[in-house]
N, C-alpha and C. Protein backbone atom coordinates (compact mmCIF):
# COMPACT_ATOMS: atom_id res chain seq x y z
N MET A 1 16.31 -16.50 7.38
CA MET A 1 15.66 -16.57 8.42
C MET A 1 14.27 -15.66 8.79
N LYS A 2 13.43 -16.05 8.98
CA LYS A 2 12.24 -15.30 9.32
C LYS A 2 12.08 -14.34 10.47
N GLU A 3 11.73 -13.06 9.92
CA GLU A 3 11.85 -11.94 10.99
C GLU A 3 10.63 -12.42 11.79
N ASN A 4 10.52 -12.32 12.92
CA ASN A 4 9.29 -12.45 13.88
C ASN A 4 8.42 -11.28 13.65
N ASN A 5 7.21 -11.75 13.08
CA ASN A 5 5.97 -11.04 13.04
C ASN A 5 6.08 -9.52 12.40
N PRO A 6 6.34 -9.41 11.10
CA PRO A 6 6.42 -8.02 10.60
C PRO A 6 5.04 -7.36 10.93
N ILE A 7 5.32 -6.00 10.98
CA ILE A 7 3.93 -5.13 11.02
C ILE A 7 3.72 -4.49 9.77
N ILE A 8 2.70 -4.55 9.36
CA ILE A 8 2.09 -3.84 8.31
C ILE A 8 1.12 -2.90 8.64
N GLU A 9 1.34 -1.68 8.31
CA GLU A 9 0.48 -0.61 8.55
C GLU A 9 -0.08 0.17 7.05
N ILE A 10 -1.40 0.23 7.29
CA ILE A 10 -1.88 0.88 6.22
C ILE A 10 -2.69 2.30 6.76
N PHE A 11 -2.01 3.44 6.17
CA PHE A 11 -2.56 4.56 6.57
C PHE A 11 -3.40 5.00 5.50
N GLY A 12 -4.57 5.37 6.06
CA GLY A 12 -5.64 6.16 4.81
C GLY A 12 -6.93 6.89 5.64
N ALA A 13 -7.74 7.13 4.83
CA ALA A 13 -8.84 7.86 4.99
C ALA A 13 -10.29 7.43 4.34
N ASP A 14 -11.44 7.41 4.96
CA ASP A 14 -12.74 7.03 4.23
C ASP A 14 -12.78 7.70 2.91
N VAL A 15 -12.30 9.01 2.72
CA VAL A 15 -12.26 9.79 1.26
C VAL A 15 -11.37 9.02 0.47
N ILE A 16 -11.68 8.69 -0.80
CA ILE A 16 -10.65 7.99 -1.68
C ILE A 16 -9.79 9.11 -2.22
N CYS A 17 -8.61 9.11 -2.01
CA CYS A 17 -7.32 9.90 -2.72
C CYS A 17 -7.94 10.56 -3.98
N ALA A 18 -7.79 11.80 -4.19
CA ALA A 18 -8.14 12.35 -5.38
C ALA A 18 -7.40 11.95 -6.43
N SER A 19 -6.21 11.53 -6.09
CA SER A 19 -4.94 11.23 -7.02
C SER A 19 -5.44 9.62 -7.71
N CYS A 20 -6.21 9.03 -6.87
CA CYS A 20 -6.36 7.50 -6.96
C CYS A 20 -7.72 7.22 -7.81
N VAL A 21 -7.96 8.01 -8.66
CA VAL A 21 -9.50 7.55 -9.13
C VAL A 21 -9.59 6.07 -9.48
N ASN A 22 -10.77 5.50 -9.30
CA ASN A 22 -10.89 4.34 -9.59
C ASN A 22 -10.10 3.15 -8.56
N ALA A 23 -9.55 3.68 -7.50
CA ALA A 23 -8.68 2.66 -6.60
C ALA A 23 -9.76 2.41 -5.45
N PRO A 24 -9.46 1.35 -4.76
CA PRO A 24 -10.39 0.80 -3.90
C PRO A 24 -9.96 1.87 -2.31
N SER A 25 -10.92 2.01 -1.61
CA SER A 25 -10.86 2.80 -0.57
C SER A 25 -9.57 2.24 0.34
N SER A 26 -9.13 3.02 1.21
CA SER A 26 -7.82 2.61 2.21
C SER A 26 -8.54 1.56 2.96
N LYS A 27 -9.92 1.48 3.55
CA LYS A 27 -10.39 0.51 4.35
C LYS A 27 -10.47 -1.00 3.69
N ASP A 28 -10.70 -0.77 2.39
CA ASP A 28 -10.94 -1.88 1.48
C ASP A 28 -9.69 -2.37 1.01
N THR A 29 -8.54 -1.65 1.05
CA THR A 29 -7.08 -1.94 0.67
C THR A 29 -6.59 -2.90 1.82
N TYR A 30 -6.86 -2.26 3.10
CA TYR A 30 -6.66 -3.12 4.22
C TYR A 30 -7.10 -4.32 4.37
N GLU A 31 -8.54 -4.48 4.16
CA GLU A 31 -9.03 -5.95 4.14
C GLU A 31 -8.47 -6.73 3.15
N TRP A 32 -8.41 -6.19 1.94
CA TRP A 32 -7.71 -7.06 0.77
C TRP A 32 -6.44 -7.71 1.26
N LEU A 33 -5.45 -6.52 1.54
CA LEU A 33 -4.19 -6.89 2.15
C LEU A 33 -4.13 -7.94 3.28
N GLN A 34 -5.24 -7.89 3.84
CA GLN A 34 -5.04 -8.89 5.09
C GLN A 34 -5.54 -10.31 4.73
N ALA A 35 -6.36 -10.54 3.86
CA ALA A 35 -6.97 -11.68 3.31
C ALA A 35 -5.85 -12.03 2.21
N ALA A 36 -5.17 -11.58 1.30
CA ALA A 36 -4.37 -11.93 0.40
C ALA A 36 -3.14 -12.44 0.90
N ILE A 37 -2.61 -11.56 2.09
CA ILE A 37 -1.19 -11.95 2.74
C ILE A 37 -1.60 -13.49 3.82
N SER A 38 -2.73 -13.64 4.43
CA SER A 38 -3.12 -14.91 4.75
C SER A 38 -3.31 -15.95 3.95
N ARG A 39 -3.86 -15.82 2.89
CA ARG A 39 -3.86 -16.57 1.88
C ARG A 39 -2.67 -17.16 0.90
N LYS A 40 -1.73 -16.27 0.87
CA LYS A 40 -0.42 -16.66 0.36
C LYS A 40 0.50 -17.15 1.04
N PHE A 41 0.57 -16.80 2.27
CA PHE A 41 1.43 -17.12 3.53
C PHE A 41 0.54 -17.59 4.84
N PRO A 42 -0.13 -18.82 4.79
CA PRO A 42 -0.87 -19.39 5.71
C PRO A 42 0.10 -19.83 6.99
N ASN A 43 -0.55 -19.49 8.13
CA ASN A 43 0.39 -19.76 9.48
C ASN A 43 1.60 -19.22 9.49
N GLN A 44 1.76 -18.00 8.94
CA GLN A 44 2.88 -17.13 9.05
C GLN A 44 2.27 -16.08 9.65
N SER A 45 3.03 -15.76 11.06
CA SER A 45 2.36 -14.59 11.90
C SER A 45 2.89 -13.06 11.41
N PHE A 46 1.90 -12.13 11.13
CA PHE A 46 2.26 -10.72 11.01
C PHE A 46 1.19 -10.05 11.68
N SER A 47 1.28 -8.55 11.94
CA SER A 47 0.50 -7.82 12.51
C SER A 47 0.03 -6.83 11.31
N ILE A 48 -1.18 -6.48 11.18
CA ILE A 48 -1.61 -5.85 10.19
C ILE A 48 -2.64 -4.71 11.09
N ARG A 49 -2.50 -3.38 10.59
CA ARG A 49 -3.19 -2.19 11.27
C ARG A 49 -3.41 -1.33 10.38
N TYR A 50 -4.69 -0.76 10.47
CA TYR A 50 -5.30 0.41 9.81
C TYR A 50 -5.17 1.67 10.55
N ILE A 51 -4.53 2.66 9.99
CA ILE A 51 -4.59 3.97 10.92
C ILE A 51 -5.44 4.99 10.09
N ASP A 52 -6.70 5.55 10.50
CA ASP A 52 -7.32 6.50 9.80
C ASP A 52 -6.60 7.87 10.20
N ILE A 53 -6.18 8.48 9.18
CA ILE A 53 -5.42 9.84 9.32
C ILE A 53 -6.44 10.93 9.46
N GLU A 54 -7.70 10.62 9.60
CA GLU A 54 -8.76 11.76 9.72
C GLU A 54 -9.10 11.68 11.28
N GLN A 55 -8.88 10.73 11.98
CA GLN A 55 -9.11 10.36 13.53
C GLN A 55 -7.84 11.09 14.39
N PRO A 56 -8.40 11.48 15.45
CA PRO A 56 -7.36 11.93 16.35
C PRO A 56 -6.32 10.78 16.83
N LEU A 57 -5.15 11.23 16.65
CA LEU A 57 -4.34 9.95 16.86
C LEU A 57 -3.42 10.51 18.06
N ASP A 58 -3.42 9.15 18.77
CA ASP A 58 -2.57 9.45 20.07
C ASP A 58 -0.95 9.20 19.89
N ASN A 59 -0.64 8.29 19.05
CA ASN A 59 0.66 7.92 18.76
C ASN A 59 1.35 8.88 18.15
N GLU A 60 2.51 9.47 18.33
CA GLU A 60 3.37 10.34 17.81
C GLU A 60 3.93 9.81 16.55
N ARG A 61 4.00 8.78 16.23
CA ARG A 61 4.77 8.11 14.86
C ARG A 61 3.54 8.43 14.07
N TYR A 62 2.59 7.72 14.54
CA TYR A 62 1.27 7.70 13.53
C TYR A 62 1.02 9.27 13.13
N LYS A 63 1.09 10.38 13.93
CA LYS A 63 0.85 11.47 13.81
C LYS A 63 1.88 12.28 12.76
N GLN A 64 3.01 11.69 12.87
CA GLN A 64 3.99 12.06 11.95
C GLN A 64 3.81 11.59 10.56
N TRP A 65 3.37 10.40 10.24
CA TRP A 65 2.94 9.80 9.18
C TRP A 65 1.84 10.39 8.45
N ALA A 66 0.69 10.71 9.26
CA ALA A 66 -0.42 11.32 8.78
C ALA A 66 -0.28 12.91 8.43
N GLU A 67 0.67 13.44 9.09
CA GLU A 67 1.06 14.93 8.44
C GLU A 67 1.78 14.81 7.29
N ARG A 68 2.61 13.95 7.36
CA ARG A 68 3.30 13.82 5.72
C ARG A 68 2.29 13.18 4.55
N ILE A 69 1.27 12.61 4.97
CA ILE A 69 0.30 12.50 3.79
C ILE A 69 -0.38 13.51 3.56
N ASN A 70 -0.82 14.41 4.72
CA ASN A 70 -1.73 15.45 4.62
C ASN A 70 -0.66 16.63 3.80
N ASN A 71 0.55 16.78 4.23
CA ASN A 71 1.11 17.48 3.38
C ASN A 71 1.44 17.07 1.99
N ASP A 72 0.91 16.22 1.40
CA ASP A 72 1.09 15.57 0.06
C ASP A 72 2.54 15.21 -0.25
N GLU A 73 3.24 14.49 0.83
CA GLU A 73 4.61 13.89 0.67
C GLU A 73 4.21 12.48 0.12
N PHE A 74 3.29 11.86 0.59
CA PHE A 74 2.68 10.70 0.24
C PHE A 74 1.23 10.76 -0.18
N PHE A 75 0.88 9.65 -1.04
CA PHE A 75 -0.67 9.63 -1.35
C PHE A 75 -1.26 8.43 -0.24
N TYR A 76 -2.28 8.40 -0.25
CA TYR A 76 -2.81 7.33 0.63
C TYR A 76 -3.97 6.37 -0.28
N PRO A 77 -3.92 5.18 0.25
CA PRO A 77 -3.45 4.48 1.28
C PRO A 77 -1.94 4.34 1.09
N LEU A 78 -1.21 4.51 2.23
CA LEU A 78 0.17 4.31 2.44
C LEU A 78 0.23 3.19 3.14
N VAL A 79 1.18 2.25 2.46
CA VAL A 79 1.55 0.93 3.21
C VAL A 79 2.83 0.69 3.61
N LEU A 80 3.28 0.33 5.05
CA LEU A 80 4.58 0.16 5.47
C LEU A 80 4.49 -1.04 6.10
N ILE A 81 6.03 -1.61 6.01
CA ILE A 81 6.06 -3.21 6.48
C ILE A 81 7.26 -2.55 7.25
N ASN A 82 7.05 -2.93 8.59
CA ASN A 82 8.57 -2.56 9.43
C ASN A 82 8.86 -1.01 9.32
N ASN A 83 8.07 -0.08 9.32
CA ASN A 83 8.14 1.22 8.89
C ASN A 83 9.14 1.82 7.67
N GLU A 84 8.99 0.90 6.85
CA GLU A 84 9.44 1.18 5.62
C GLU A 84 8.35 1.06 4.43
N VAL A 85 8.29 2.30 3.73
CA VAL A 85 7.33 2.47 2.56
C VAL A 85 7.40 1.40 1.60
N ILE A 86 6.24 0.72 1.45
CA ILE A 86 6.14 -0.29 0.29
C ILE A 86 5.43 0.16 -0.89
N GLY A 87 4.30 0.79 -0.68
CA GLY A 87 3.53 1.44 -1.62
C GLY A 87 2.54 2.42 -1.22
N GLU A 88 2.17 3.33 -2.16
CA GLU A 88 1.06 4.56 -1.93
C GLU A 88 0.25 4.52 -3.01
N GLY A 89 -0.99 5.25 -2.67
CA GLY A 89 -1.92 5.36 -3.53
C GLY A 89 -2.70 4.25 -4.37
N TYR A 90 -2.34 3.48 -5.25
CA TYR A 90 -3.00 2.57 -6.00
C TYR A 90 -2.06 1.51 -5.56
N ILE A 91 -2.26 0.59 -4.72
CA ILE A 91 -1.36 -0.54 -4.10
C ILE A 91 -1.60 -1.59 -5.13
N GLN A 92 -0.25 -2.21 -5.16
CA GLN A 92 0.02 -3.34 -5.87
C GLN A 92 0.55 -4.54 -5.10
N ILE A 93 -0.08 -5.86 -5.27
CA ILE A 93 0.10 -6.80 -4.22
C ILE A 93 1.69 -7.21 -4.24
N GLN A 94 2.30 -7.43 -5.62
CA GLN A 94 3.68 -7.89 -5.65
C GLN A 94 4.61 -7.59 -4.71
N PRO A 95 4.87 -5.92 -4.77
CA PRO A 95 6.00 -5.43 -3.77
C PRO A 95 5.80 -5.70 -2.24
N ILE A 96 4.48 -6.21 -1.97
CA ILE A 96 4.29 -6.47 -0.49
C ILE A 96 4.49 -7.76 -0.30
N PHE A 97 4.27 -8.76 -1.35
CA PHE A 97 4.60 -10.22 -1.41
C PHE A 97 6.19 -10.19 -1.31
N SER A 98 6.93 -9.34 -2.22
CA SER A 98 8.41 -9.60 -2.43
C SER A 98 8.99 -9.16 -0.99
N THR A 99 8.51 -8.20 -0.41
CA THR A 99 9.18 -7.53 1.01
C THR A 99 8.78 -8.60 2.02
N LEU A 100 7.85 -9.37 2.08
CA LEU A 100 7.48 -10.36 3.05
C LEU A 100 8.37 -11.46 2.56
N GLU A 101 8.60 -11.90 1.33
CA GLU A 101 9.53 -13.14 1.43
C GLU A 101 11.14 -12.63 1.69
N LYS A 102 11.48 -11.47 1.44
CA LYS A 102 12.67 -11.17 2.02
C LYS A 102 12.77 -11.16 3.52
N LEU A 103 11.68 -10.86 4.04
CA LEU A 103 11.61 -11.27 5.58
C LEU A 103 11.63 -12.73 6.04
N GLY A 104 11.57 -13.43 5.11
CA GLY A 104 11.44 -14.96 5.43
C GLY A 104 10.18 -15.74 5.15
N PHE A 105 9.20 -15.02 4.68
CA PHE A 105 7.92 -15.55 4.50
C PHE A 105 7.94 -16.44 3.31
N SER A 106 7.45 -17.86 3.18
CA SER A 106 7.25 -18.54 1.96
C SER A 106 6.02 -18.94 1.71
N ALA A 107 5.52 -18.83 0.45
CA ALA A 107 4.28 -19.18 -0.28
C ALA A 107 3.83 -20.62 0.25
N ALA A 108 2.63 -20.77 0.10
CA ALA A 108 1.93 -21.87 0.36
C ALA A 108 2.07 -22.90 -0.86
N GLU A 109 2.29 -24.01 -0.88
CA GLU A 109 2.41 -24.93 -1.83
C GLU A 109 0.97 -25.45 -2.29
């Protein structure tokens, strides 16, 4: 059974994470994931959001995640699906696809 409209959140900053040398920027990761997910799972609904941890945040939950990143608990970009950490730092696509498939997404044939 497909879960309705999973929420994918990418927390990041304009500056590339110091521990993530040669990795794409957080914004590039967001754009890449958006395109890759749409291509792999066409016509399947999801929400994707980019949250800049260096900007003022009104959402308390976003503030808590940003604080955890700033306290070095996580590297950025940090990718969450339905509030579950799927990847951090150098993001790989397969864990994201696997998580979406567990939520009922099916790949295009």
